[in-house]
Amino acid sequence: MRPYEGADLKQLHRIFSDVETMRFYPAPFSLQQTKKWIDRNKERYLVDGVGLWAVCLKDTKQLIGDCGIVKQIVDGQEEMEIGYHIHKHHWSKGYATEAAKVCRQLGFERMKLSKLISIIDPLNVASIRVAEKIGFKKEKESDIFGKTHLIYARYRGS
C-alpha cells in the first residue's frame, strides 16, 4: 500500500467505473468522481494522517484497489473506519484481508485507537467475510449514506 499519486487516476478509474466492482455503491464513478476520490484522500493524509491508500501488487506494482482508515460519522459519533475496494479480477485472493490487517495494526498499535469499524452493505457478503477475518464482529445496523448498513467493529485488545 502507498499514498495515491496523480498518475493513479487512469488505473483507479478502471476499477471505480466497473459496474460489478462498484455494485454496492449508488453507481460506478465518473472520471471526475475518481479524481475527487484521489484528491480527497490526499487531503485526508494531510489533515488526518490517514486515508485510503493505493493497493498494488508487489511484483508488478499494478494498482488493484484501495484500503485505509478514514473518519466517518455513525449515529452522530466520529468513528475510524477501515475501508477497502478491490477490483473484481482480484477478488478471493486475500488482498483485501491482507491490506485490512495492515490497517488494523496501524490503527491499534501506532495510532492507539480504541476502536475500528467497517461500514458494510448488508448484501456485500465478501466484505463481511473480510471484516470477520480481521476479527471484526457485527455491532449494529445504522442508516448511513441514505440506507441501512451493517457496522462491524473491533476494539483494541479484543
Protein backbone atom coordinates (compact mmCIF):
# COMPACT_ATOMS: atom_id res chain seq x y z
CA MET A 1 0.00 0.00 0.00
CA ARG A 2 1.13 3.52 -0.73
CA PRO A 3 -0.34 7.03 -0.88
CA TYR A 4 -2.24 7.93 -4.02
CA GLU A 5 -0.36 9.69 -6.80
CA GLY A 6 -1.76 11.77 -9.63
CA ALA A 7 -0.68 9.08 -12.10
CA ASP A 8 -3.12 6.64 -10.43
CA LEU A 9 -6.20 8.28 -11.96
CA LYS A 10 -6.44 6.09 -15.07
CA GLN A 11 -5.92 2.76 -13.25
CA LEU A 12 -8.21 3.69 -10.36
CA HIS A 13 -10.92 4.84 -12.76
CA ARG A 14 -10.84 1.43 -14.47
CA ILE A 15 -11.69 -0.07 -11.08
CA PHE A 16 -14.22 2.50 -9.89
CA SER A 17 -16.03 2.68 -13.23
CA ASP A 18 -16.58 -1.09 -13.28
CA VAL A 19 -20.27 -1.89 -12.65
CA GLU A 20 -19.67 -5.19 -10.86
CA THR A 21 -16.83 -3.90 -8.67
CA MET A 22 -18.94 -0.90 -7.60
CA ARG A 23 -22.31 -2.66 -7.28
CA PHE A 24 -22.66 -1.69 -3.61
CA TYR A 25 -22.22 2.00 -4.41
CA PRO A 26 -25.07 4.09 -5.84
CA ALA A 27 -23.33 3.99 -9.25
CA PRO A 28 -19.93 3.46 -10.83
CA PHE A 29 -17.70 6.54 -10.70
CA SER A 30 -17.15 9.02 -13.50
CA LEU A 31 -13.59 10.11 -14.24
CA GLN A 32 -14.25 13.35 -12.32
CA GLN A 33 -15.57 11.43 -9.28
CA THR A 34 -12.46 9.25 -9.33
CA LYS A 35 -10.23 12.34 -9.43
CA LYS A 36 -12.15 13.81 -6.47
CA TRP A 37 -11.66 10.49 -4.61
CA ILE A 38 -7.89 10.72 -5.05
CA ASP A 39 -7.83 14.42 -4.12
CA ARG A 40 -9.98 13.81 -1.04
CA ASN A 41 -7.65 11.10 0.18
CA LYS A 42 -4.58 13.27 -0.40
CA GLU A 43 -6.27 15.89 1.79
CA ARG A 44 -7.03 13.22 4.43
CA TYR A 45 -3.33 12.30 4.53
CA LEU A 46 -2.50 15.91 5.44
CA VAL A 47 -5.40 16.60 7.84
CA ASP A 48 -5.97 13.20 9.48
CA GLY A 49 -2.64 11.48 8.89
CA VAL A 50 -4.50 8.58 7.30
CA GLY A 51 -6.82 7.93 4.37
CA LEU A 52 -7.33 5.32 1.70
CA TRP A 53 -4.11 4.19 0.06
CA ALA A 54 -3.49 2.55 -3.29
CA VAL A 55 -3.26 -1.24 -3.00
CA CYS A 56 -0.71 -2.51 -5.52
CA LEU A 57 0.58 -5.95 -6.42
CA LYS A 58 4.09 -6.43 -5.03
CA ASP A 59 5.62 -7.94 -8.15
CA THR A 60 4.14 -5.70 -10.87
CA LYS A 61 3.18 -2.59 -8.85
CA GLN A 62 -0.23 -2.70 -10.60
CA LEU A 63 -2.89 -0.76 -8.71
CA ILE A 64 -5.75 -3.18 -7.89
CA GLY A 65 -7.79 -1.12 -5.41
CA ASP A 66 -7.52 0.80 -2.19
CA CYS A 67 -7.64 0.30 1.56
CA GLY A 68 -7.12 2.53 4.54
CA ILE A 69 -8.52 4.28 7.58
CA VAL A 70 -10.98 7.15 7.23
CA LYS A 71 -13.08 9.22 9.61
CA GLN A 72 -16.82 8.59 9.39
CA ILE A 73 -19.82 9.84 11.34
CA VAL A 74 -22.05 7.00 12.54
CA ASP A 75 -25.11 7.82 14.62
CA GLY A 76 -23.63 11.22 15.47
CA GLN A 77 -20.30 9.76 16.63
CA GLU A 78 -16.94 10.13 14.91
CA GLU A 79 -15.58 6.68 14.12
CA MET A 80 -12.45 5.46 12.34
CA GLU A 81 -13.32 3.05 9.55
CA ILE A 82 -11.20 0.54 7.70
CA GLY A 83 -12.46 0.69 4.13
CA TYR A 84 -11.40 -1.40 1.16
CA HIS A 85 -12.18 -1.70 -2.55
CA ILE A 86 -10.50 -4.32 -4.72
CA HIS A 87 -11.09 -4.79 -8.46
CA LYS A 88 -13.24 -7.82 -9.29
CA HIS A 89 -10.35 -9.51 -11.14
CA HIS A 90 -8.51 -9.76 -7.83
CA TRP A 91 -11.35 -10.90 -5.57
CA SER A 92 -10.96 -14.04 -3.44
CA LYS A 93 -7.16 -13.85 -3.43
CA GLY A 94 -6.77 -12.43 0.09
CA TYR A 95 -5.67 -8.95 -0.96
CA ALA A 96 -8.44 -7.08 0.88
CA THR A 97 -7.85 -9.14 4.02
CA GLU A 98 -4.08 -8.60 3.89
CA ALA A 99 -4.46 -4.84 3.41
CA ALA A 100 -7.16 -4.55 6.10
CA LYS A 101 -4.92 -6.42 8.59
CA VAL A 102 -2.17 -3.85 7.99
CA CYS A 103 -4.68 -1.05 8.62
CA ARG A 104 -5.98 -2.76 11.78
CA GLN A 105 -2.41 -2.99 13.09
CA LEU A 106 -1.73 0.65 12.20
CA GLY A 107 -4.93 1.79 13.90
CA PHE A 108 -4.44 -0.10 17.14
CA GLU A 109 -0.65 -0.20 17.52
CA ARG A 110 0.58 3.06 16.02
CA MET A 111 -2.44 5.33 16.27
CA LYS A 112 -3.53 3.84 19.63
CA LEU A 113 -7.20 3.87 18.58
CA SER A 114 -9.53 2.09 20.97
CA LYS A 115 -11.98 1.02 18.24
CA LEU A 116 -12.12 0.50 14.48
CA ILE A 117 -15.20 -0.12 12.36
CA SER A 118 -16.16 -1.15 8.85
CA ILE A 119 -19.37 0.08 7.24
CA ILE A 120 -20.77 -2.68 5.02
CA ASP A 121 -23.78 -3.06 2.76
CA PRO A 122 -25.80 -6.00 4.16
CA LEU A 123 -25.69 -7.75 0.77
CA ASN A 124 -21.90 -7.48 0.45
CA VAL A 125 -21.03 -10.95 1.72
CA ALA A 126 -17.39 -10.69 0.58
CA SER A 127 -16.80 -7.52 2.63
CA ILE A 128 -18.47 -9.12 5.64
CA ARG A 129 -16.06 -12.05 5.29
CA VAL A 130 -13.06 -9.70 5.17
CA ALA A 131 -14.25 -7.89 8.31
CA GLU A 132 -14.73 -11.20 10.12
CA LYS A 133 -11.31 -12.49 9.03
CA ILE A 134 -9.66 -9.48 10.68
CA GLY A 135 -11.59 -10.06 13.90
CA PHE A 136 -14.45 -7.60 13.49
CA LYS A 137 -17.92 -8.53 14.73
CA LYS A 138 -21.31 -7.14 13.78
CA GLU A 139 -22.10 -4.40 16.27
CA LYS A 140 -25.27 -2.86 14.86
CA GLU A 141 -27.17 -1.61 11.84
CA SER A 142 -27.25 2.08 11.03
CA ASP A 143 -28.67 4.39 8.37
CA ILE A 144 -25.62 5.71 6.55
CA PHE A 145 -25.35 7.20 3.08
CA GLY A 146 -29.16 7.07 2.84
CA LYS A 147 -29.63 3.35 3.50
CA THR A 148 -29.15 0.67 6.12
CA HIS A 149 -25.59 -0.58 6.56
CA LEU A 150 -24.01 -3.05 8.93
CA ILE A 151 -21.44 -1.71 11.35
CA TYR A 152 -18.71 -4.21 12.10
CA ALA A 153 -16.31 -3.29 14.89
CA ARG A 154 -13.28 -4.41 16.81
CA TYR A 155 -11.84 -2.95 19.99
CA ARG A 156 -8.15 -2.78 20.80
CA GLY A 157 -7.09 -5.83 22.78
CA SER A 158 -10.03 -7.95 21.65
